[in-house]
Amino acid sequence: MNIKTYTTTASTSDTAVQITNERTLLSWIRTSIGIMAFGCVVVKFSLFVKQISLILDKLTPAPTGSYSVMIGIVLVAVSTFVLLLLYMCYQ
């Protein structure tokens, strides 16, 4: 009788660990998608600022030395790398 109880407890423990790992995986995926979306927003905001500066002030050229596009691309790349690393670790 005690052996069956121990087996059931071990099975329940393994299931709980698996569910916890899947929940952690999903939270990392959610975080990675959020970082990727933020990178896209940074790039779009940079383009928006350039267009507004051209519309409002046609005499002065738009600033060209901004790093917003590079920061956005780096955020998307890091997010993609995290997703790939996560997939490899979960397998």
C-alpha atoms as a PDB file:
ATOM      1  CA  MET A   1       0.000   0.000   0.000  1.00  0.00           C
ATOM      2  CA  ASN A   2       2.798   2.421   0.797  1.00  0.00           C
ATOM      3  CA  ILE A   3       4.533   1.647  -2.498  1.00  0.00           C
ATOM      4  CA  LYS A   4       1.489   2.767  -4.497  1.00  0.00           C
ATOM      5  CA  THR A   5       1.278   5.976  -2.502  1.00  0.00           C
ATOM      6  CA  TYR A   6       4.977   6.653  -3.081  1.00  0.00           C
ATOM      7  CA  THR A   7       4.639   6.001  -6.824  1.00  0.00           C
ATOM      8  CA  THR A   8       1.646   8.313  -7.061  1.00  0.00           C
ATOM      9  CA  THR A   9       3.515  11.024  -5.139  1.00  0.00           C
ATOM     10  CA  ALA A  10       6.561  10.695  -7.391  1.00  0.00           C
ATOM     11  CA  SER A  11       4.370  10.878 -10.492  1.00  0.00           C
ATOM     12  CA  THR A  12       2.587  13.927  -9.131  1.00  0.00           C
ATOM     13  CA  SER A  13       5.938  15.541  -8.352  1.00  0.00           C
ATOM     14  CA  ASP A  14       7.231  14.885 -11.882  1.00  0.00           C
ATOM     15  CA  THR A  15       4.062  16.337 -13.360  1.00  0.00           C
ATOM     16  CA  ALA A  16       4.360  19.418 -11.162  1.00  0.00           C
ATOM     17  CA  VAL A  17       7.973  19.933 -12.259  1.00  0.00           C
ATOM     18  CA  GLN A  18       7.006  19.577 -15.918  1.00  0.00           C
ATOM     19  CA  ILE A  19       4.144  22.051 -15.555  1.00  0.00           C
ATOM     20  CA  THR A  20       6.452  24.492 -13.785  1.00  0.00           C
ATOM     21  CA  ASN A  21       9.037  24.186 -16.579  1.00  0.00           C
ATOM     22  CA  GLU A  22       6.382  24.791 -19.231  1.00  0.00           C
ATOM     23  CA  ARG A  23       5.099  27.833 -17.349  1.00  0.00           C
ATOM     24  CA  THR A  24       8.642  29.217 -17.183  1.00  0.00           C
ATOM     25  CA  LEU A  25       9.098  28.549 -20.900  1.00  0.00           C
ATOM     26  CA  LEU A  26       5.892  30.392 -21.728  1.00  0.00           C
ATOM     27  CA  SER A  27       6.872  33.372 -19.593  1.00  0.00           C
ATOM     28  CA  TRP A  28      10.231  33.608 -21.374  1.00  0.00           C
ATOM     29  CA  ILE A  29       8.455  33.421 -24.735  1.00  0.00           C
ATOM     30  CA  ARG A  30       6.104  36.200 -23.639  1.00  0.00           C
ATOM     31  CA  THR A  31       9.052  38.330 -22.502  1.00  0.00           C
ATOM     32  CA  SER A  32      10.921  37.728 -25.746  1.00  0.00           C
ATOM     33  CA  ILE A  33       7.903  38.696 -27.840  1.00  0.00           C
ATOM     34  CA  GLY A  34       7.517  41.842 -25.730  1.00  0.00           C
ATOM     35  CA  ILE A  35      11.159  42.802 -26.325  1.00  0.00           C
ATOM     36  CA  MET A  36      10.709  42.168 -30.035  1.00  0.00           C
ATOM     37  CA  ALA A  37       7.607  44.373 -30.125  1.00  0.00           C
ATOM     38  CA  PHE A  38       9.460  47.109 -28.238  1.00  0.00           C
ATOM     39  CA  GLY A  39      12.259  46.963 -30.821  1.00  0.00           C
ATOM     40  CA  CYS A  40       9.706  47.438 -33.601  1.00  0.00           C
ATOM     41  CA  VAL A  41       8.172  50.384 -31.732  1.00  0.00           C
ATOM     42  CA  VAL A  42      11.594  52.020 -31.362  1.00  0.00           C
ATOM     43  CA  VAL A  43      12.225  51.745 -35.114  1.00  0.00           C
ATOM     44  CA  LYS A  44       8.751  53.035 -36.016  1.00  0.00           C
ATOM     45  CA  PHE A  45       9.070  55.941 -33.579  1.00  0.00           C
ATOM     46  CA  SER A  46      12.394  56.890 -35.156  1.00  0.00           C
ATOM     47  CA  LEU A  47      10.774  56.968 -38.589  1.00  0.00           C
ATOM     48  CA  PHE A  48       7.849  58.964 -37.174  1.00  0.00           C
ATOM     49  CA  VAL A  49      10.168  61.593 -35.680  1.00  0.00           C
ATOM     50  CA  LYS A  50      12.025  61.961 -38.977  1.00  0.00           C
ATOM     51  CA  GLN A  51       8.781  62.412 -40.923  1.00  0.00           C
ATOM     52  CA  ILE A  52       7.377  64.931 -38.442  1.00  0.00           C
ATOM     53  CA  SER A  53      10.582  66.957 -38.503  1.00  0.00           C
ATOM     54  CA  LEU A  54      10.421  67.069 -42.301  1.00  0.00           C
ATOM     55  CA  ILE A  55       6.774  68.169 -42.281  1.00  0.00           C
ATOM     56  CA  LEU A  56       7.075  70.811 -39.565  1.00  0.00           C
ATOM     57  CA  ASP A  57      10.400  72.325 -40.477  1.00  0.00           C
ATOM     58  CA  LYS A  58      11.245  72.062 -44.151  1.00  0.00           C
ATOM     59  CA  LEU A  59      14.276  74.377 -43.933  1.00  0.00           C
ATOM     60  CA  THR A  60      16.242  72.340 -41.404  1.00  0.00           C
ATOM     61  CA  PRO A  61      17.103  68.764 -42.373  1.00  0.00           C
ATOM     62  CA  ALA A  62      16.098  65.902 -40.102  1.00  0.00           C
ATOM     63  CA  PRO A  63      18.758  64.630 -37.710  1.00  0.00           C
ATOM     64  CA  THR A  64      20.644  61.733 -39.258  1.00  0.00           C
ATOM     65  CA  GLY A  65      22.889  60.693 -36.367  1.00  0.00           C
ATOM     66  CA  SER A  66      20.299  58.829 -34.313  1.00  0.00           C
ATOM     67  CA  TYR A  67      20.870  55.300 -33.129  1.00  0.00           C
ATOM     68  CA  SER A  68      17.187  54.452 -32.756  1.00  0.00           C
ATOM     69  CA  VAL A  69      17.076  52.170 -35.780  1.00  0.00           C
ATOM     70  CA  MET A  70      20.159  50.262 -34.639  1.00  0.00           C
ATOM     71  CA  ILE A  71      18.797  49.908 -31.104  1.00  0.00           C
ATOM     72  CA  GLY A  72      15.506  48.579 -32.478  1.00  0.00           C
ATOM     73  CA  ILE A  73      17.262  46.081 -34.724  1.00  0.00           C
ATOM     74  CA  VAL A  74      19.475  44.933 -31.856  1.00  0.00           C
ATOM     75  CA  LEU A  75      16.419  44.442 -29.628  1.00  0.00           C
ATOM     76  CA  VAL A  76      14.710  42.314 -32.271  1.00  0.00           C
ATOM     77  CA  ALA A  77      17.908  40.309 -32.854  1.00  0.00           C
ATOM     78  CA  VAL A  78      18.445  39.698 -29.135  1.00  0.00           C
ATOM     79  CA  SER A  79      14.841  38.625 -28.768  1.00  0.00           C
ATOM     80  CA  THR A  80      15.183  36.182 -31.654  1.00  0.00           C
ATOM     81  CA  PHE A  81      18.389  34.806 -30.150  1.00  0.00           C
ATOM     82  CA  VAL A  82      16.656  34.318 -26.786  1.00  0.00           C
ATOM     83  CA  LEU A  83      13.810  32.445 -28.493  1.00  0.00           C
ATOM     84  CA  LEU A  84      16.239  30.137 -30.292  1.00  0.00           C
ATOM     85  CA  LEU A  85      18.254  29.535 -27.127  1.00  0.00           C
ATOM     86  CA  LEU A  86      15.070  28.824 -25.214  1.00  0.00           C
ATOM     87  CA  TYR A  87      13.943  26.318 -27.808  1.00  0.00           C
ATOM     88  CA  MET A  88      17.282  24.534 -27.693  1.00  0.00           C
ATOM     89  CA  CYS A  89      17.323  24.392 -23.881  1.00  0.00           C
ATOM     90  CA  TYR A  90      13.761  23.131 -23.670  1.00  0.00           C
ATOM     91  CA  GLN A  91      14.383  20.229 -26.069  1.00  0.00           C
END
